[in-house]
Amino acid sequence: MAKHRVSVAVVTGAGSGIGRAAALALLGDGYRVALAGRRREALAETARLSGRARSRALVVPADVSDPAAVEGLFARTLDAFDRVDLLFNNAGVGAPAVPFEELSREQWQRVVDVNLTGAFLCAREAFRVMKRQRPRGGRIINNGSISAHAPRPRSAPYTATKHAITGLTKSLALDGRAFDIACGQIDVGNARTELAAKMARGVPQADGSTRAEPLIDVAHVGRAVLQMARLPLDANVLFVTLMATKMPFVGRG
């Protein structure tokens, strides 16, 4: 199979954190990137931070849990860039850290709608585009999180969706095989983002204690996504875990 240089990416949740870091890494490497998220101002800031690459950034406000919005996201990307070579399925939300029995159905459903259904909707559109474009194929990278392996206390909705993302990744890798669509997953532990900053101050542990945890520069995650994306389509990183070396994950923690 002839190698095709990945050139057009869709990044969801691109207005902050891991999504912004991945978008900036891709833009810095010459990609044209559709920046998707719910907050136009945050997406515009990501584009601004890309500096001279800003001309290759397309700001597309979109709620990934809305099928019409996802269809519009991919339609705008095709109008601007003609194809989609990479989808980074990154958008995600959590629920309040309350006792399990106090979770409302609405809180549960919101996490499922964004983290799992949103990833499905975006991957479905990517499949449709990648199967028919020429050269055929592309790559999907799902953000699984360390929570795809092990929960934190009081994180059932988030953990359940991230475990489900692992199944989605495997299914997409299998179903995409015949169409030159590769799918992999990056599981990140303790990247320094606005949401994760509290870990440096102390977060609940499985033994009931509260302890500070180490963090890594979120730019490392962006570079890892870029490395996965740059592989030719006959090679795939199916799963990778990128974590703070000393975080309490392996062993008894």
C-alpha atoms as a PDB file:
ATOM      1  CA  MET A   1       0.000   0.000   0.000  1.00  0.00           C
ATOM      2  CA  ALA A   2       1.400   3.373  -0.974  1.00  0.00           C
ATOM      3  CA  LYS A   3       2.224   5.693   1.891  1.00  0.00           C
ATOM      4  CA  HIS A   4      -0.052   8.729   2.173  1.00  0.00           C
ATOM      5  CA  ARG A   5       1.157  11.680   4.209  1.00  0.00           C
ATOM      6  CA  VAL A   6      -1.473  12.558   6.793  1.00  0.00           C
ATOM      7  CA  SER A   7      -2.401  16.166   6.167  1.00  0.00           C
ATOM      8  CA  VAL A   8      -5.910  16.894   7.458  1.00  0.00           C
ATOM      9  CA  ALA A   9      -7.008  16.277  11.041  1.00  0.00           C
ATOM     10  CA  VAL A  10     -10.177  16.755  13.074  1.00  0.00           C
ATOM     11  CA  VAL A  11      -9.532  17.284  16.796  1.00  0.00           C
ATOM     12  CA  THR A  12     -12.459  17.336  19.212  1.00  0.00           C
ATOM     13  CA  GLY A  13     -12.195  19.097  22.547  1.00  0.00           C
ATOM     14  CA  ALA A  14      -9.555  21.302  20.910  1.00  0.00           C
ATOM     15  CA  GLY A  15     -10.252  24.362  23.049  1.00  0.00           C
ATOM     16  CA  SER A  16      -8.198  23.275  26.062  1.00  0.00           C
ATOM     17  CA  GLY A  17      -6.036  20.627  27.689  1.00  0.00           C
ATOM     18  CA  ILE A  18      -5.046  17.533  25.753  1.00  0.00           C
ATOM     19  CA  GLY A  19      -7.086  18.519  22.694  1.00  0.00           C
ATOM     20  CA  ARG A  20      -5.333  21.867  22.449  1.00  0.00           C
ATOM     21  CA  ALA A  21      -1.906  20.258  22.938  1.00  0.00           C
ATOM     22  CA  ALA A  22      -2.594  17.724  20.176  1.00  0.00           C
ATOM     23  CA  ALA A  23      -3.946  20.370  17.806  1.00  0.00           C
ATOM     24  CA  LEU A  24      -0.885  22.573  18.328  1.00  0.00           C
ATOM     25  CA  ALA A  25       1.474  19.637  17.752  1.00  0.00           C
ATOM     26  CA  LEU A  26      -0.322  18.733  14.526  1.00  0.00           C
ATOM     27  CA  LEU A  27      -0.441  22.312  13.276  1.00  0.00           C
ATOM     28  CA  GLY A  28       3.234  22.712  14.094  1.00  0.00           C
ATOM     29  CA  ASP A  29       4.010  19.702  11.918  1.00  0.00           C
ATOM     30  CA  GLY A  30       2.199  21.076   8.892  1.00  0.00           C
ATOM     31  CA  TYR A  31      -1.260  19.554   9.282  1.00  0.00           C
ATOM     32  CA  ARG A  32      -4.455  21.355   8.443  1.00  0.00           C
ATOM     33  CA  VAL A  33      -6.659  20.965  11.492  1.00  0.00           C
ATOM     34  CA  ALA A  34     -10.365  21.393  12.171  1.00  0.00           C
ATOM     35  CA  LEU A  35     -10.649  22.542  15.784  1.00  0.00           C
ATOM     36  CA  ALA A  36     -13.910  21.287  17.270  1.00  0.00           C
ATOM     37  CA  GLY A  37     -15.463  22.080  20.633  1.00  0.00           C
ATOM     38  CA  ARG A  38     -18.372  23.826  22.283  1.00  0.00           C
ATOM     39  CA  ARG A  39     -16.626  27.168  23.004  1.00  0.00           C
ATOM     40  CA  ARG A  40     -15.762  29.278  19.958  1.00  0.00           C
ATOM     41  CA  GLU A  41     -13.534  31.619  21.978  1.00  0.00           C
ATOM     42  CA  ALA A  42     -11.424  28.764  23.334  1.00  0.00           C
ATOM     43  CA  LEU A  43     -11.025  27.268  19.855  1.00  0.00           C
ATOM     44  CA  ALA A  44      -9.994  30.664  18.484  1.00  0.00           C
ATOM     45  CA  GLU A  45      -7.378  30.882  21.247  1.00  0.00           C
ATOM     46  CA  THR A  46      -5.962  27.500  20.200  1.00  0.00           C
ATOM     47  CA  ALA A  47      -5.715  28.790  16.633  1.00  0.00           C
ATOM     48  CA  ARG A  48      -4.017  31.968  17.853  1.00  0.00           C
ATOM     49  CA  LEU A  49      -1.489  29.993  19.896  1.00  0.00           C
ATOM     50  CA  SER A  50      -0.447  28.098  16.763  1.00  0.00           C
ATOM     51  CA  GLY A  51       1.251  31.265  15.487  1.00  0.00           C
ATOM     52  CA  ARG A  52       2.130  31.162  11.820  1.00  0.00           C
ATOM     53  CA  ALA A  53       0.195  27.903  11.453  1.00  0.00           C
ATOM     54  CA  ARG A  54      -3.038  29.746  12.227  1.00  0.00           C
ATOM     55  CA  SER A  55      -3.951  29.871   8.527  1.00  0.00           C
ATOM     56  CA  ARG A  56      -4.237  26.072   8.568  1.00  0.00           C
ATOM     57  CA  ALA A  57      -6.619  26.001  11.549  1.00  0.00           C
ATOM     58  CA  LEU A  58     -10.382  25.832  11.015  1.00  0.00           C
ATOM     59  CA  VAL A  59     -12.541  26.770  14.012  1.00  0.00           C
ATOM     60  CA  VAL A  60     -15.742  24.711  14.099  1.00  0.00           C
ATOM     61  CA  PRO A  61     -17.905  25.063  17.224  1.00  0.00           C
ATOM     62  CA  ALA A  62     -19.690  21.733  17.680  1.00  0.00           C
ATOM     63  CA  ASP A  63     -21.228  19.584  20.406  1.00  0.00           C
ATOM     64  CA  VAL A  64     -20.086  16.034  19.685  1.00  0.00           C
ATOM     65  CA  SER A  65     -23.180  14.591  21.379  1.00  0.00           C
ATOM     66  CA  ASP A  66     -25.367  16.198  18.673  1.00  0.00           C
ATOM     67  CA  PRO A  67     -25.492  14.093  15.459  1.00  0.00           C
ATOM     68  CA  ALA A  68     -26.330  17.106  13.290  1.00  0.00           C
ATOM     69  CA  ALA A  69     -23.424  19.084  14.741  1.00  0.00           C
ATOM     70  CA  VAL A  70     -21.016  16.215  14.057  1.00  0.00           C
ATOM     71  CA  GLU A  71     -22.230  15.909  10.470  1.00  0.00           C
ATOM     72  CA  GLY A  72     -21.742  19.655  10.105  1.00  0.00           C
ATOM     73  CA  LEU A  73     -18.228  19.441  11.529  1.00  0.00           C
ATOM     74  CA  PHE A  74     -17.128  16.927   8.927  1.00  0.00           C
ATOM     75  CA  ALA A  75     -18.948  18.735   6.123  1.00  0.00           C
ATOM     76  CA  ARG A  76     -17.137  21.983   6.961  1.00  0.00           C
ATOM     77  CA  THR A  77     -13.823  20.160   7.152  1.00  0.00           C
ATOM     78  CA  LEU A  78     -14.354  18.641   3.715  1.00  0.00           C
ATOM     79  CA  ASP A  79     -15.408  21.991   2.281  1.00  0.00           C
ATOM     80  CA  ALA A  80     -12.221  23.585   3.585  1.00  0.00           C
ATOM     81  CA  PHE A  81      -9.673  20.795   3.193  1.00  0.00           C
ATOM     82  CA  ASP A  82     -11.214  18.198   0.812  1.00  0.00           C
ATOM     83  CA  ARG A  83     -10.485  15.136   2.976  1.00  0.00           C
ATOM     84  CA  VAL A  84      -9.990  13.806   6.523  1.00  0.00           C
ATOM     85  CA  ASP A  85      -6.863  11.790   7.287  1.00  0.00           C
ATOM     86  CA  LEU A  86      -6.987  11.828  11.075  1.00  0.00           C
ATOM     87  CA  LEU A  87      -9.633  12.028  13.784  1.00  0.00           C
ATOM     88  CA  PHE A  88      -8.507  12.581  17.365  1.00  0.00           C
ATOM     89  CA  ASN A  89     -11.561  11.623  19.423  1.00  0.00           C
ATOM     90  CA  ASN A  90     -10.715  13.608  22.533  1.00  0.00           C
ATOM     91  CA  ALA A  91     -13.798  15.465  23.796  1.00  0.00           C
ATOM     92  CA  GLY A  92     -14.854  14.352  27.245  1.00  0.00           C
ATOM     93  CA  VAL A  93     -16.616  15.399  30.439  1.00  0.00           C
ATOM     94  CA  GLY A  94     -16.953  14.045  33.963  1.00  0.00           C
ATOM     95  CA  ALA A  95     -19.671  13.939  36.594  1.00  0.00           C
ATOM     96  CA  PRO A  96     -19.612  15.322  40.148  1.00  0.00           C
ATOM     97  CA  ALA A  97     -17.529  13.186  42.525  1.00  0.00           C
ATOM     98  CA  VAL A  98     -20.430  12.155  44.742  1.00  0.00           C
ATOM     99  CA  PRO A  99     -21.364   8.810  46.301  1.00  0.00           C
ATOM    100  CA  PHE A 100     -22.551   6.455  43.574  1.00  0.00           C
ATOM    101  CA  GLU A 101     -26.126   6.282  44.845  1.00  0.00           C
ATOM    102  CA  GLU A 102     -26.425  10.064  44.658  1.00  0.00           C
ATOM    103  CA  LEU A 103     -25.667  10.254  40.926  1.00  0.00           C
ATOM    104  CA  SER A 104     -28.635  11.408  38.902  1.00  0.00           C
ATOM    105  CA  ARG A 105     -29.637   9.814  35.647  1.00  0.00           C
ATOM    106  CA  GLU A 106     -29.043  13.168  33.948  1.00  0.00           C
ATOM    107  CA  GLN A 107     -25.462  13.333  35.241  1.00  0.00           C
ATOM    108  CA  TRP A 108     -24.805   9.777  34.084  1.00  0.00           C
ATOM    109  CA  GLN A 109     -26.377  10.369  30.680  1.00  0.00           C
ATOM    110  CA  ARG A 110     -24.423  13.552  29.985  1.00  0.00           C
ATOM    111  CA  VAL A 111     -21.121  11.728  30.441  1.00  0.00           C
ATOM    112  CA  VAL A 112     -22.259   8.846  28.243  1.00  0.00           C
ATOM    113  CA  ASP A 113     -23.563  11.235  25.573  1.00  0.00           C
ATOM    114  CA  VAL A 114     -20.269  13.118  25.255  1.00  0.00           C
ATOM    115  CA  ASN A 115     -17.592  10.546  26.066  1.00  0.00           C
ATOM    116  CA  LEU A 116     -19.035   7.486  24.356  1.00  0.00           C
ATOM    117  CA  THR A 117     -21.829   8.476  21.979  1.00  0.00           C
ATOM    118  CA  GLY A 118     -19.836  11.522  20.854  1.00  0.00           C
ATOM    119  CA  ALA A 119     -16.849   9.315  20.025  1.00  0.00           C
ATOM    120  CA  PHE A 120     -19.145   6.958  18.107  1.00  0.00           C
ATOM    121  CA  LEU A 121     -20.752   9.774  16.115  1.00  0.00           C
ATOM    122  CA  CYS A 122     -17.392  11.284  15.156  1.00  0.00           C
ATOM    123  CA  ALA A 123     -15.893   7.904  14.265  1.00  0.00           C
ATOM    124  CA  ARG A 124     -18.932   7.052  12.157  1.00  0.00           C
ATOM    125  CA  GLU A 125     -18.548  10.232  10.110  1.00  0.00           C
ATOM    126  CA  ALA A 126     -14.807   9.618   9.801  1.00  0.00           C
ATOM    127  CA  PHE A 127     -15.452   6.089   8.505  1.00  0.00           C
ATOM    128  CA  ARG A 128     -17.871   7.413   5.895  1.00  0.00           C
ATOM    129  CA  VAL A 129     -15.355   9.965   4.661  1.00  0.00           C
ATOM    130  CA  MET A 130     -12.271   7.761   4.828  1.00  0.00           C
ATOM    131  CA  LYS A 131     -13.858   4.876   2.938  1.00  0.00           C
ATOM    132  CA  ARG A 132     -14.832   6.993  -0.050  1.00  0.00           C
ATOM    133  CA  GLN A 133     -11.955   9.466  -0.337  1.00  0.00           C
ATOM    134  CA  ARG A 134      -8.956   8.893  -2.598  1.00  0.00           C
ATOM    135  CA  PRO A 135      -6.367   7.967  -1.469  1.00  0.00           C
ATOM    136  CA  ARG A 136      -8.622   5.798   0.683  1.00  0.00           C
ATOM    137  CA  GLY A 137      -8.299   5.399   4.436  1.00  0.00           C
ATOM    138  CA  GLY A 138      -7.138   7.322   7.453  1.00  0.00           C
ATOM    139  CA  ARG A 139      -6.522   7.025  11.182  1.00  0.00           C
ATOM    140  CA  ILE A 140      -8.655   7.414  14.296  1.00  0.00           C
ATOM    141  CA  ILE A 141      -7.046   7.961  17.699  1.00  0.00           C
ATOM    142  CA  ASN A 142      -9.303   7.693  20.740  1.00  0.00           C
ATOM    143  CA  ASN A 143      -8.491   9.310  24.075  1.00  0.00           C
ATOM    144  CA  GLY A 144      -9.067   6.497  26.523  1.00  0.00           C
ATOM    145  CA  SER A 145      -7.449   7.796  29.740  1.00  0.00           C
ATOM    146  CA  ILE A 146      -5.922   5.834  32.607  1.00  0.00           C
ATOM    147  CA  SER A 147      -9.580   5.410  33.633  1.00  0.00           C
ATOM    148  CA  ALA A 148      -9.874   2.919  30.773  1.00  0.00           C
ATOM    149  CA  HIS A 149      -7.835   0.624  33.057  1.00  0.00           C
ATOM    150  CA  ALA A 150      -8.595   1.602  36.658  1.00  0.00           C
ATOM    151  CA  PRO A 151     -11.108   3.919  38.366  1.00  0.00           C
ATOM    152  CA  ARG A 152     -10.584   6.744  40.763  1.00  0.00           C
ATOM    153  CA  PRO A 153     -12.945   6.962  43.722  1.00  0.00           C
ATOM    154  CA  ARG A 154     -16.422   8.218  42.816  1.00  0.00           C
ATOM    155  CA  SER A 155     -15.846   8.200  39.048  1.00  0.00           C
ATOM    156  CA  ALA A 156     -18.278   5.541  37.807  1.00  0.00           C
ATOM    157  CA  PRO A 157     -19.734   7.425  34.792  1.00  0.00           C
ATOM    158  CA  TYR A 158     -16.341   8.554  33.495  1.00  0.00           C
ATOM    159  CA  THR A 159     -14.666   5.203  34.149  1.00  0.00           C
ATOM    160  CA  ALA A 160     -17.491   3.238  32.518  1.00  0.00           C
ATOM    161  CA  THR A 161     -17.324   5.322  29.343  1.00  0.00           C
ATOM    162  CA  LYS A 162     -13.554   5.069  29.150  1.00  0.00           C
ATOM    163  CA  HIS A 163     -13.657   1.295  29.525  1.00  0.00           C
ATOM    164  CA  ALA A 164     -16.207   1.326  26.705  1.00  0.00           C
ATOM    165  CA  ILE A 165     -13.865   3.406  24.545  1.00  0.00           C
ATOM    166  CA  THR A 166     -11.398   0.506  24.685  1.00  0.00           C
ATOM    167  CA  GLY A 167     -14.033  -1.772  23.148  1.00  0.00           C
ATOM    168  CA  LEU A 168     -14.830   0.860  20.539  1.00  0.00           C
ATOM    169  CA  THR A 169     -11.138   1.157  19.649  1.00  0.00           C
ATOM    170  CA  LYS A 170     -10.808  -2.587  19.109  1.00  0.00           C
ATOM    171  CA  SER A 171     -13.989  -2.732  17.029  1.00  0.00           C
ATOM    172  CA  LEU A 172     -12.934   0.191  14.839  1.00  0.00           C
ATOM    173  CA  ALA A 173      -9.482  -1.318  14.347  1.00  0.00           C
ATOM    174  CA  LEU A 174     -11.128  -4.528  13.165  1.00  0.00           C
ATOM    175  CA  ASP A 175     -13.898  -2.990  11.052  1.00  0.00           C
ATOM    176  CA  GLY A 176     -11.536  -0.478   9.466  1.00  0.00           C
ATOM    177  CA  ARG A 177      -8.938  -3.044   8.490  1.00  0.00           C
ATOM    178  CA  ALA A 178     -10.381  -3.761   5.044  1.00  0.00           C
ATOM    179  CA  PHE A 179     -10.608  -0.058   4.213  1.00  0.00           C
ATOM    180  CA  ASP A 180      -7.144   1.138   5.272  1.00  0.00           C
ATOM    181  CA  ILE A 181      -8.554   2.779   8.393  1.00  0.00           C
ATOM    182  CA  ALA A 182      -6.306   2.330  11.423  1.00  0.00           C
ATOM    183  CA  CYS A 183      -7.541   2.943  14.955  1.00  0.00           C
ATOM    184  CA  GLY A 184      -5.551   3.293  18.153  1.00  0.00           C
ATOM    185  CA  GLN A 185      -5.957   4.624  21.676  1.00  0.00           C
ATOM    186  CA  ILE A 186      -3.879   6.811  23.962  1.00  0.00           C
ATOM    187  CA  ASP A 187      -4.405   6.444  27.711  1.00  0.00           C
ATOM    188  CA  VAL A 188      -3.064   9.454  29.574  1.00  0.00           C
ATOM    189  CA  GLY A 189      -2.297   9.694  33.270  1.00  0.00           C
ATOM    190  CA  ASN A 190      -1.974  13.062  34.988  1.00  0.00           C
ATOM    191  CA  ALA A 191      -1.277  15.519  32.188  1.00  0.00           C
ATOM    192  CA  ARG A 192      -1.063  19.079  33.512  1.00  0.00           C
ATOM    193  CA  THR A 193      -4.303  20.696  32.341  1.00  0.00           C
ATOM    194  CA  GLU A 194      -6.754  23.062  34.011  1.00  0.00           C
ATOM    195  CA  LEU A 195      -8.911  20.120  35.073  1.00  0.00           C
ATOM    196  CA  ALA A 196      -5.997  18.079  36.423  1.00  0.00           C
ATOM    197  CA  ALA A 197      -4.263  20.917  38.307  1.00  0.00           C
ATOM    198  CA  LYS A 198      -6.030  19.877  41.516  1.00  0.00           C
ATOM    199  CA  MET A 199      -3.976  16.667  41.586  1.00  0.00           C
ATOM    200  CA  ALA A 200      -0.896  18.635  42.638  1.00  0.00           C
ATOM    201  CA  ARG A 201      -2.825  19.849  45.692  1.00  0.00           C
ATOM    202  CA  GLY A 202      -4.167  16.417  46.635  1.00  0.00           C
ATOM    203  CA  VAL A 203      -6.888  14.062  45.398  1.00  0.00           C
ATOM    204  CA  PRO A 204      -8.733  11.128  47.022  1.00  0.00           C
ATOM    205  CA  GLN A 205      -6.983   7.761  46.856  1.00  0.00           C
ATOM    206  CA  ALA A 206      -8.370   4.225  46.907  1.00  0.00           C
ATOM    207  CA  ASP A 207      -7.311   3.750  50.538  1.00  0.00           C
ATOM    208  CA  GLY A 208      -9.375   6.723  51.662  1.00  0.00           C
ATOM    209  CA  SER A 209      -6.448   9.111  52.028  1.00  0.00           C
ATOM    210  CA  THR A 210      -5.880  12.329  50.092  1.00  0.00           C
ATOM    211  CA  ARG A 211      -2.485  12.782  48.471  1.00  0.00           C
ATOM    212  CA  ALA A 212      -0.824  14.984  45.895  1.00  0.00           C
ATOM    213  CA  GLU A 213       0.104  13.309  42.613  1.00  0.00           C
ATOM    214  CA  PRO A 214       2.797  14.168  40.053  1.00  0.00           C
ATOM    215  CA  LEU A 215       1.870  15.658  36.688  1.00  0.00           C
ATOM    216  CA  ILE A 216       3.480  15.702  33.249  1.00  0.00           C
ATOM    217  CA  ASP A 217       3.580  18.520  30.719  1.00  0.00           C
ATOM    218  CA  VAL A 218       0.539  18.194  28.467  1.00  0.00           C
ATOM    219  CA  ALA A 219       2.801  18.953  25.490  1.00  0.00           C
ATOM    220  CA  HIS A 220       4.186  15.414  25.854  1.00  0.00           C
ATOM    221  CA  VAL A 221       0.704  14.116  25.051  1.00  0.00           C
ATOM    222  CA  GLY A 222       0.475  16.297  21.970  1.00  0.00           C
ATOM    223  CA  ARG A 223       3.780  14.930  20.707  1.00  0.00           C
ATOM    224  CA  ALA A 224       2.663  11.354  21.380  1.00  0.00           C
ATOM    225  CA  VAL A 225      -0.522  11.873  19.364  1.00  0.00           C
ATOM    226  CA  LEU A 226       1.570  13.344  16.560  1.00  0.00           C
ATOM    227  CA  GLN A 227       3.898  10.344  16.623  1.00  0.00           C
ATOM    228  CA  MET A 228       0.947   7.941  16.344  1.00  0.00           C
ATOM    229  CA  ALA A 229      -0.564  10.020  13.550  1.00  0.00           C
ATOM    230  CA  ARG A 230       2.593  10.128  11.456  1.00  0.00           C
ATOM    231  CA  LEU A 231       2.825   6.356  11.027  1.00  0.00           C
ATOM    232  CA  PRO A 232       1.981   4.958   7.584  1.00  0.00           C
ATOM    233  CA  LEU A 233      -1.411   3.276   7.528  1.00  0.00           C
ATOM    234  CA  ASP A 234       0.099  -0.196   7.405  1.00  0.00           C
ATOM    235  CA  ALA A 235       1.408   0.375  10.951  1.00  0.00           C
ATOM    236  CA  ASN A 236      -0.652   1.137  14.032  1.00  0.00           C
ATOM    237  CA  VAL A 237      -0.150   1.857  17.715  1.00  0.00           C
ATOM    238  CA  LEU A 238      -3.215   0.041  19.024  1.00  0.00           C
ATOM    239  CA  PHE A 239      -2.768   1.114  22.673  1.00  0.00           C
ATOM    240  CA  VAL A 240      -0.262   3.348  24.423  1.00  0.00           C
ATOM    241  CA  THR A 241      -0.190   4.539  28.039  1.00  0.00           C
ATOM    242  CA  LEU A 242       1.531   7.862  28.715  1.00  0.00           C
ATOM    243  CA  MET A 243       1.721   8.726  32.393  1.00  0.00           C
ATOM    244  CA  ALA A 244       3.602  10.526  35.108  1.00  0.00           C
ATOM    245  CA  THR A 245       6.267   8.017  36.105  1.00  0.00           C
ATOM    246  CA  LYS A 246       5.575   8.258  39.830  1.00  0.00           C
ATOM    247  CA  MET A 247       1.785   8.493  39.803  1.00  0.00           C
ATOM    248  CA  PRO A 248      -0.068   5.862  41.860  1.00  0.00           C
ATOM    249  CA  PHE A 249      -1.307   3.594  39.093  1.00  0.00           C
ATOM    250  CA  VAL A 250       0.674   0.347  38.910  1.00  0.00           C
ATOM    251  CA  GLY A 251       1.221  -1.852  41.958  1.00  0.00           C
ATOM    252  CA  ARG A 252      -0.759  -1.228  45.114  1.00  0.00           C
ATOM    253  CA  GLY A 253      -0.739   2.525  44.504  1.00  0.00           C
END
